[in-house]
């Protein structure tokens, strides 16, 4: 019986397509959470796996999400998306009226998918608050700052679905070295791998990752919990 595997992204910044990439893969900039939180949670058939040490993404690295075939080779048949996926993504133009460039070198890691079906989850309206630069250089939301809701409901999580047939497995590799594999999981029907982005990452995704960090004001999500974002299309799978 096939295993339904889902990689859950709590946030993420879709990087612009590289030249020559016609949807064969997707890359997403990501930040690790606070030290008190494991960056990656694994649930096998609804039960969270316990590990002797937290599973973290790392720094200045590339993470590959690999669907491994029974012959030991990764499946690279390209990424797919649900029909409404791109419309459900928050775009930087929704906040600023125009696209915003990001600097890939500012992320803790870049996550790459060569397969999987992308779908938005927790699609709902979201408020953003303006943070203005103060004389001391810090950004603060004051009484004079604005507050606005983006015009459309946006996905707050992204689900990437995989169907693991007999002998297949899912694995995560950091700079080419595997650091987690579902081969080690006692899973029978359903596997969930959540890449956590706690409230400490909100300012990183929505301010620090932007190539233009000299703005006098930025729009940050209220109450943390940063939704995934597309800074400059085309960025969908």
C-alpha atoms as a PDB file:
ATOM      1  CA  UNK A   1       0.000   0.000   0.000  1.00  0.00           C
ATOM      2  CA  UNK A   2       1.472   3.425  -0.968  1.00  0.00           C
ATOM      3  CA  UNK A   3       2.477   5.895   1.734  1.00  0.00           C
ATOM      4  CA  UNK A   4       1.098   9.444   1.523  1.00  0.00           C
ATOM      5  CA  UNK A   5       4.036  11.727   2.371  1.00  0.00           C
ATOM      6  CA  UNK A   6       3.617  15.465   2.917  1.00  0.00           C
ATOM      7  CA  UNK A   7       6.293  18.095   3.440  1.00  0.00           C
ATOM      8  CA  UNK A   8       4.747  21.039   5.283  1.00  0.00           C
ATOM      9  CA  UNK A   9       6.366  24.457   4.910  1.00  0.00           C
ATOM     10  CA  UNK A  10       5.319  26.877   7.661  1.00  0.00           C
ATOM     11  CA  UNK A  11       6.704  29.745   5.594  1.00  0.00           C
ATOM     12  CA  UNK A  12       9.361  30.296   2.945  1.00  0.00           C
ATOM     13  CA  UNK A  13      10.356  32.680   0.196  1.00  0.00           C
ATOM     14  CA  UNK A  14      10.068  31.376  -3.362  1.00  0.00           C
ATOM     15  CA  UNK A  15      13.195  32.290  -5.275  1.00  0.00           C
ATOM     16  CA  UNK A  16      12.862  33.511  -8.877  1.00  0.00           C
ATOM     17  CA  UNK A  17      13.252  30.795 -11.480  1.00  0.00           C
ATOM     18  CA  UNK A  18      16.784  30.317 -12.687  1.00  0.00           C
ATOM     19  CA  UNK A  19      17.374  30.665 -16.415  1.00  0.00           C
ATOM     20  CA  UNK A  20      16.512  27.410 -18.155  1.00  0.00           C
ATOM     21  CA  UNK A  21      14.245  26.178 -15.349  1.00  0.00           C
ATOM     22  CA  UNK A  22      10.851  25.469 -16.918  1.00  0.00           C
ATOM     23  CA  UNK A  23       9.244  24.124 -13.775  1.00  0.00           C
ATOM     24  CA  UNK A  24      11.615  21.187 -13.342  1.00  0.00           C
ATOM     25  CA  UNK A  25      12.476  22.286  -9.808  1.00  0.00           C
ATOM     26  CA  UNK A  26      11.623  24.888  -7.187  1.00  0.00           C
ATOM     27  CA  UNK A  27      13.936  26.614  -4.689  1.00  0.00           C
ATOM     28  CA  UNK A  28      12.704  28.261  -1.493  1.00  0.00           C
ATOM     29  CA  UNK A  29      14.689  30.454   0.869  1.00  0.00           C
ATOM     30  CA  UNK A  30      14.255  29.521   4.524  1.00  0.00           C
ATOM     31  CA  UNK A  31      15.295  30.657   7.999  1.00  0.00           C
ATOM     32  CA  UNK A  32      15.781  28.415  11.011  1.00  0.00           C
ATOM     33  CA  UNK A  33      13.623  28.972  14.084  1.00  0.00           C
ATOM     34  CA  UNK A  34      14.767  29.892  17.585  1.00  0.00           C
ATOM     35  CA  UNK A  35      17.096  27.523  19.413  1.00  0.00           C
ATOM     36  CA  UNK A  36      14.249  26.298  21.616  1.00  0.00           C
ATOM     37  CA  UNK A  37      12.461  24.811  18.574  1.00  0.00           C
ATOM     38  CA  UNK A  38      13.493  21.952  16.311  1.00  0.00           C
ATOM     39  CA  UNK A  39      13.438  23.151  12.703  1.00  0.00           C
ATOM     40  CA  UNK A  40      11.987  19.846  11.497  1.00  0.00           C
ATOM     41  CA  UNK A  41       9.191  17.720  13.001  1.00  0.00           C
ATOM     42  CA  UNK A  42       8.377  14.257  11.699  1.00  0.00           C
ATOM     43  CA  UNK A  43       5.065  12.470  12.260  1.00  0.00           C
ATOM     44  CA  UNK A  44       4.613   8.845  11.246  1.00  0.00           C
ATOM     45  CA  UNK A  45       0.947   7.799  11.104  1.00  0.00           C
ATOM     46  CA  UNK A  46       0.061  10.775  13.315  1.00  0.00           C
ATOM     47  CA  UNK A  47       2.679  10.074  16.013  1.00  0.00           C
ATOM     48  CA  UNK A  48       5.623  12.450  16.347  1.00  0.00           C
ATOM     49  CA  UNK A  49       8.994  10.790  16.112  1.00  0.00           C
ATOM     50  CA  UNK A  50      11.380  11.379  18.981  1.00  0.00           C
ATOM     51  CA  UNK A  51      15.017  12.105  18.236  1.00  0.00           C
ATOM     52  CA  UNK A  52      17.978  12.298  20.591  1.00  0.00           C
ATOM     53  CA  UNK A  53      18.882  15.694  19.106  1.00  0.00           C
ATOM     54  CA  UNK A  54      16.824  18.355  17.311  1.00  0.00           C
ATOM     55  CA  UNK A  55      16.749  18.085  13.511  1.00  0.00           C
ATOM     56  CA  UNK A  56      17.843  21.506  12.291  1.00  0.00           C
ATOM     57  CA  UNK A  57      18.253  22.962   8.830  1.00  0.00           C
ATOM     58  CA  UNK A  58      21.731  24.432   9.289  1.00  0.00           C
ATOM     59  CA  UNK A  59      23.412  27.612   8.105  1.00  0.00           C
ATOM     60  CA  UNK A  60      24.693  28.669   4.687  1.00  0.00           C
ATOM     61  CA  UNK A  61      23.577  25.411   3.128  1.00  0.00           C
ATOM     62  CA  UNK A  62      21.434  23.826   0.463  1.00  0.00           C
ATOM     63  CA  UNK A  63      18.719  21.340   1.464  1.00  0.00           C
ATOM     64  CA  UNK A  64      17.354  18.812  -1.025  1.00  0.00           C
ATOM     65  CA  UNK A  65      13.991  17.119  -0.490  1.00  0.00           C
ATOM     66  CA  UNK A  66      14.378  13.839  -2.355  1.00  0.00           C
ATOM     67  CA  UNK A  67      11.743  11.333  -3.414  1.00  0.00           C
ATOM     68  CA  UNK A  68      13.871   8.210  -3.731  1.00  0.00           C
ATOM     69  CA  UNK A  69      12.839   5.405  -6.073  1.00  0.00           C
ATOM     70  CA  UNK A  70      13.184   1.703  -5.257  1.00  0.00           C
ATOM     71  CA  UNK A  71      16.343   1.575  -7.383  1.00  0.00           C
ATOM     72  CA  UNK A  72      18.035   4.103  -5.092  1.00  0.00           C
ATOM     73  CA  UNK A  73      17.868   7.025  -7.539  1.00  0.00           C
ATOM     74  CA  UNK A  74      16.037  10.302  -6.845  1.00  0.00           C
ATOM     75  CA  UNK A  75      12.837  11.013  -8.728  1.00  0.00           C
ATOM     76  CA  UNK A  76      13.277  14.142 -10.814  1.00  0.00           C
ATOM     77  CA  UNK A  77      10.073  14.380 -12.826  1.00  0.00           C
ATOM     78  CA  UNK A  78       9.525  18.044 -12.018  1.00  0.00           C
ATOM     79  CA  UNK A  79       7.314  19.878  -9.540  1.00  0.00           C
ATOM     80  CA  UNK A  80       3.564  20.310  -9.986  1.00  0.00           C
ATOM     81  CA  UNK A  81       0.986  22.566  -8.363  1.00  0.00           C
ATOM     82  CA  UNK A  82      -2.706  22.737  -7.610  1.00  0.00           C
ATOM     83  CA  UNK A  83      -4.742  24.911 -10.037  1.00  0.00           C
ATOM     84  CA  UNK A  84      -5.171  27.714  -7.466  1.00  0.00           C
ATOM     85  CA  UNK A  85      -1.694  27.584  -5.912  1.00  0.00           C
ATOM     86  CA  UNK A  86      -0.161  30.680  -7.459  1.00  0.00           C
ATOM     87  CA  UNK A  87      -3.229  32.826  -6.779  1.00  0.00           C
ATOM     88  CA  UNK A  88      -3.187  31.768  -3.118  1.00  0.00           C
ATOM     89  CA  UNK A  89       0.425  32.825  -2.570  1.00  0.00           C
ATOM     90  CA  UNK A  90       1.125  36.146  -0.905  1.00  0.00           C
ATOM     91  CA  UNK A  91       3.057  38.308  -3.345  1.00  0.00           C
ATOM     92  CA  UNK A  92       5.263  41.197  -2.284  1.00  0.00           C
ATOM     93  CA  UNK A  93       3.321  43.289  -4.781  1.00  0.00           C
ATOM     94  CA  UNK A  94       0.270  42.746  -2.532  1.00  0.00           C
ATOM     95  CA  UNK A  95       2.146  44.715   0.147  1.00  0.00           C
ATOM     96  CA  UNK A  96       4.189  47.230  -1.836  1.00  0.00           C
ATOM     97  CA  UNK A  97       2.363  47.516  -5.146  1.00  0.00           C
ATOM     98  CA  UNK A  98       5.419  46.165  -6.933  1.00  0.00           C
ATOM     99  CA  UNK A  99       7.741  43.172  -6.824  1.00  0.00           C
ATOM    100  CA  UNK A 100      10.657  43.136  -4.409  1.00  0.00           C
ATOM    101  CA  UNK A 101      14.028  41.529  -5.035  1.00  0.00           C
ATOM    102  CA  UNK A 102      15.460  39.227  -2.381  1.00  0.00           C
ATOM    103  CA  UNK A 103      19.079  38.287  -1.687  1.00  0.00           C
ATOM    104  CA  UNK A 104      19.422  34.472  -1.607  1.00  0.00           C
ATOM    105  CA  UNK A 105      22.659  34.745   0.389  1.00  0.00           C
ATOM    106  CA  UNK A 106      20.735  36.172   3.357  1.00  0.00           C
ATOM    107  CA  UNK A 107      18.759  32.965   4.003  1.00  0.00           C
ATOM    108  CA  UNK A 108      19.975  30.308   6.397  1.00  0.00           C
ATOM    109  CA  UNK A 109      19.392  27.732   3.675  1.00  0.00           C
ATOM    110  CA  UNK A 110      17.763  27.188   0.299  1.00  0.00           C
ATOM    111  CA  UNK A 111      15.384  24.207   0.029  1.00  0.00           C
ATOM    112  CA  UNK A 112      15.139  22.501  -3.368  1.00  0.00           C
ATOM    113  CA  UNK A 113      12.336  20.279  -4.661  1.00  0.00           C
ATOM    114  CA  UNK A 114      12.783  18.283  -7.887  1.00  0.00           C
ATOM    115  CA  UNK A 115       9.379  16.606  -7.557  1.00  0.00           C
ATOM    116  CA  UNK A 116       6.179  16.852  -5.519  1.00  0.00           C
ATOM    117  CA  UNK A 117       2.810  18.559  -5.874  1.00  0.00           C
ATOM    118  CA  UNK A 118       2.465  21.989  -4.245  1.00  0.00           C
ATOM    119  CA  UNK A 119      -0.780  23.156  -2.661  1.00  0.00           C
ATOM    120  CA  UNK A 120      -1.673  26.088  -0.417  1.00  0.00           C
ATOM    121  CA  UNK A 121      -3.080  25.438   3.064  1.00  0.00           C
ATOM    122  CA  UNK A 122      -4.702  27.545   5.795  1.00  0.00           C
ATOM    123  CA  UNK A 123      -5.899  30.032   3.187  1.00  0.00           C
ATOM    124  CA  UNK A 124      -7.309  33.052   5.010  1.00  0.00           C
ATOM    125  CA  UNK A 125      -7.101  36.859   5.194  1.00  0.00           C
ATOM    126  CA  UNK A 126      -4.107  38.369   6.945  1.00  0.00           C
ATOM    127  CA  UNK A 127      -3.271  41.736   8.466  1.00  0.00           C
ATOM    128  CA  UNK A 128       0.132  43.382   8.081  1.00  0.00           C
ATOM    129  CA  UNK A 129       1.525  46.238  10.137  1.00  0.00           C
ATOM    130  CA  UNK A 130       3.864  48.995   9.078  1.00  0.00           C
ATOM    131  CA  UNK A 131       7.182  49.275  10.904  1.00  0.00           C
ATOM    132  CA  UNK A 132       9.070  52.553  10.523  1.00  0.00           C
ATOM    133  CA  UNK A 133      12.740  53.314  11.009  1.00  0.00           C
ATOM    134  CA  UNK A 134      13.453  55.241  14.190  1.00  0.00           C
ATOM    135  CA  UNK A 135      16.322  57.686  14.846  1.00  0.00           C
ATOM    136  CA  UNK A 136      18.277  54.878  16.525  1.00  0.00           C
ATOM    137  CA  UNK A 137      17.934  52.720  13.388  1.00  0.00           C
ATOM    138  CA  UNK A 138      15.426  50.281  14.871  1.00  0.00           C
ATOM    139  CA  UNK A 139      12.077  49.525  13.218  1.00  0.00           C
ATOM    140  CA  UNK A 140       9.012  50.013  15.399  1.00  0.00           C
ATOM    141  CA  UNK A 141       5.252  49.875  14.915  1.00  0.00           C
ATOM    142  CA  UNK A 142       3.961  53.118  16.459  1.00  0.00           C
ATOM    143  CA  UNK A 143       0.522  54.688  16.702  1.00  0.00           C
ATOM    144  CA  UNK A 144       1.277  56.652  13.533  1.00  0.00           C
ATOM    145  CA  UNK A 145       2.011  53.500  11.531  1.00  0.00           C
ATOM    146  CA  UNK A 146      -0.577  52.008   9.218  1.00  0.00           C
ATOM    147  CA  UNK A 147      -2.253  48.601   9.334  1.00  0.00           C
ATOM    148  CA  UNK A 148      -3.767  46.837   6.352  1.00  0.00           C
ATOM    149  CA  UNK A 149      -5.211  43.566   5.197  1.00  0.00           C
ATOM    150  CA  UNK A 150      -4.034  42.132   1.908  1.00  0.00           C
ATOM    151  CA  UNK A 151      -6.854  42.143  -0.640  1.00  0.00           C
ATOM    152  CA  UNK A 152      -7.086  38.379  -0.991  1.00  0.00           C
ATOM    153  CA  UNK A 153      -6.949  35.370   1.363  1.00  0.00           C
ATOM    154  CA  UNK A 154      -3.427  33.931   1.338  1.00  0.00           C
ATOM    155  CA  UNK A 155      -1.922  30.531   2.128  1.00  0.00           C
ATOM    156  CA  UNK A 156      -0.232  30.408   5.518  1.00  0.00           C
ATOM    157  CA  UNK A 157       1.300  26.984   4.922  1.00  0.00           C
ATOM    158  CA  UNK A 158       2.351  25.031   1.880  1.00  0.00           C
ATOM    159  CA  UNK A 159       1.806  21.289   1.529  1.00  0.00           C
ATOM    160  CA  UNK A 160       4.025  19.365  -0.884  1.00  0.00           C
ATOM    161  CA  UNK A 161       2.579  15.913  -1.574  1.00  0.00           C
ATOM    162  CA  UNK A 162       4.427  12.732  -2.512  1.00  0.00           C
ATOM    163  CA  UNK A 163       3.141   9.212  -3.165  1.00  0.00           C
ATOM    164  CA  UNK A 164       5.684   6.670  -1.962  1.00  0.00           C
ATOM    165  CA  UNK A 165       5.191   3.310  -3.619  1.00  0.00           C
ATOM    166  CA  UNK A 166       6.667   0.047  -2.369  1.00  0.00           C
ATOM    167  CA  UNK A 167      10.400   0.350  -1.817  1.00  0.00           C
ATOM    168  CA  UNK A 168      10.421   4.170  -2.103  1.00  0.00           C
ATOM    169  CA  UNK A 169      11.281   6.672   0.585  1.00  0.00           C
ATOM    170  CA  UNK A 170      11.700  10.383   1.320  1.00  0.00           C
ATOM    171  CA  UNK A 171      15.015  11.840   2.456  1.00  0.00           C
ATOM    172  CA  UNK A 172      16.594  15.195   3.290  1.00  0.00           C
ATOM    173  CA  UNK A 173      20.141  15.985   2.239  1.00  0.00           C
ATOM    174  CA  UNK A 174      22.287  18.937   3.321  1.00  0.00           C
ATOM    175  CA  UNK A 175      24.947  19.897   0.809  1.00  0.00           C
ATOM    176  CA  UNK A 176      24.689  16.413  -0.655  1.00  0.00           C
ATOM    177  CA  UNK A 177      24.826  14.505   2.655  1.00  0.00           C
ATOM    178  CA  UNK A 178      21.654  12.742   3.860  1.00  0.00           C
ATOM    179  CA  UNK A 179      20.733  13.753   7.424  1.00  0.00           C
ATOM    180  CA  UNK A 180      17.216  12.282   7.646  1.00  0.00           C
ATOM    181  CA  UNK A 181      15.428   9.460   5.826  1.00  0.00           C
ATOM    182  CA  UNK A 182      11.995   7.878   6.097  1.00  0.00           C
ATOM    183  CA  UNK A 183      13.806   4.550   5.747  1.00  0.00           C
ATOM    184  CA  UNK A 184      14.452   4.965   9.472  1.00  0.00           C
ATOM    185  CA  UNK A 185      10.765   5.677  10.203  1.00  0.00           C
ATOM    186  CA  UNK A 186       8.230   3.056  11.215  1.00  0.00           C
ATOM    187  CA  UNK A 187       5.576   4.502   8.909  1.00  0.00           C
ATOM    188  CA  UNK A 188       2.812   2.486   7.291  1.00  0.00           C
ATOM    189  CA  UNK A 189       0.292   4.910   5.755  1.00  0.00           C
ATOM    190  CA  UNK A 190       0.974   8.597   6.358  1.00  0.00           C
ATOM    191  CA  UNK A 191       4.182  10.595   6.756  1.00  0.00           C
ATOM    192  CA  UNK A 192       4.396  14.311   7.568  1.00  0.00           C
ATOM    193  CA  UNK A 193       7.613  16.321   7.612  1.00  0.00           C
ATOM    194  CA  UNK A 194       7.074  19.853   8.902  1.00  0.00           C
ATOM    195  CA  UNK A 195       9.674  22.565   8.398  1.00  0.00           C
ATOM    196  CA  UNK A 196       8.948  24.942  11.235  1.00  0.00           C
ATOM    197  CA  UNK A 197       9.120  28.734  10.973  1.00  0.00           C
ATOM    198  CA  UNK A 198       8.277  30.248  14.355  1.00  0.00           C
ATOM    199  CA  UNK A 199       7.469  33.891  15.111  1.00  0.00           C
ATOM    200  CA  UNK A 200      11.173  34.824  15.360  1.00  0.00           C
ATOM    201  CA  UNK A 201      11.503  34.372  11.596  1.00  0.00           C
ATOM    202  CA  UNK A 202       8.836  36.910  10.556  1.00  0.00           C
ATOM    203  CA  UNK A 203      11.112  39.953  10.342  1.00  0.00           C
ATOM    204  CA  UNK A 204      13.785  37.877   8.621  1.00  0.00           C
ATOM    205  CA  UNK A 205      11.457  36.815   5.807  1.00  0.00           C
ATOM    206  CA  UNK A 206       9.751  40.186   5.365  1.00  0.00           C
ATOM    207  CA  UNK A 207      12.581  42.656   5.959  1.00  0.00           C
ATOM    208  CA  UNK A 208      16.074  41.205   6.304  1.00  0.00           C
ATOM    209  CA  UNK A 209      15.803  38.966   3.213  1.00  0.00           C
ATOM    210  CA  UNK A 210      14.994  41.881   0.898  1.00  0.00           C
ATOM    211  CA  UNK A 211      17.819  43.082  -1.302  1.00  0.00           C
ATOM    212  CA  UNK A 212      16.770  46.677  -0.589  1.00  0.00           C
ATOM    213  CA  UNK A 213      17.281  46.985   3.161  1.00  0.00           C
ATOM    214  CA  UNK A 214      17.450  50.765   3.151  1.00  0.00           C
ATOM    215  CA  UNK A 215      13.716  51.349   3.150  1.00  0.00           C
ATOM    216  CA  UNK A 216      12.319  53.667   5.795  1.00  0.00           C
ATOM    217  CA  UNK A 217       9.373  51.350   6.431  1.00  0.00           C
ATOM    218  CA  UNK A 218       8.409  47.709   5.958  1.00  0.00           C
ATOM    219  CA  UNK A 219       5.233  45.634   6.145  1.00  0.00           C
ATOM    220  CA  UNK A 220       5.493  42.796   8.660  1.00  0.00           C
ATOM    221  CA  UNK A 221       2.840  40.159   9.470  1.00  0.00           C
ATOM    222  CA  UNK A 222       0.937  40.863  12.672  1.00  0.00           C
ATOM    223  CA  UNK A 223       1.540  38.404  15.512  1.00  0.00           C
ATOM    224  CA  UNK A 224       4.445  36.682  13.755  1.00  0.00           C
ATOM    225  CA  UNK A 225       3.550  33.413  11.996  1.00  0.00           C
ATOM    226  CA  UNK A 226       4.959  34.488   8.620  1.00  0.00           C
ATOM    227  CA  UNK A 227       3.049  33.184   5.584  1.00  0.00           C
ATOM    228  CA  UNK A 228       4.963  31.961   2.510  1.00  0.00           C
ATOM    229  CA  UNK A 229       5.736  34.725   0.023  1.00  0.00           C
ATOM    230  CA  UNK A 230       6.528  35.187  -3.660  1.00  0.00           C
ATOM    231  CA  UNK A 231       8.757  38.271  -4.053  1.00  0.00           C
ATOM    232  CA  UNK A 232       9.029  38.487  -7.841  1.00  0.00           C
ATOM    233  CA  UNK A 233       7.115  36.173 -10.221  1.00  0.00           C
ATOM    234  CA  UNK A 234       7.430  33.772 -11.894  1.00  0.00           C
ATOM    235  CA  UNK A 235       8.075  31.904  -8.681  1.00  0.00           C
ATOM    236  CA  UNK A 236       5.441  29.168  -8.640  1.00  0.00           C
ATOM    237  CA  UNK A 237       6.260  25.497  -9.344  1.00  0.00           C
END
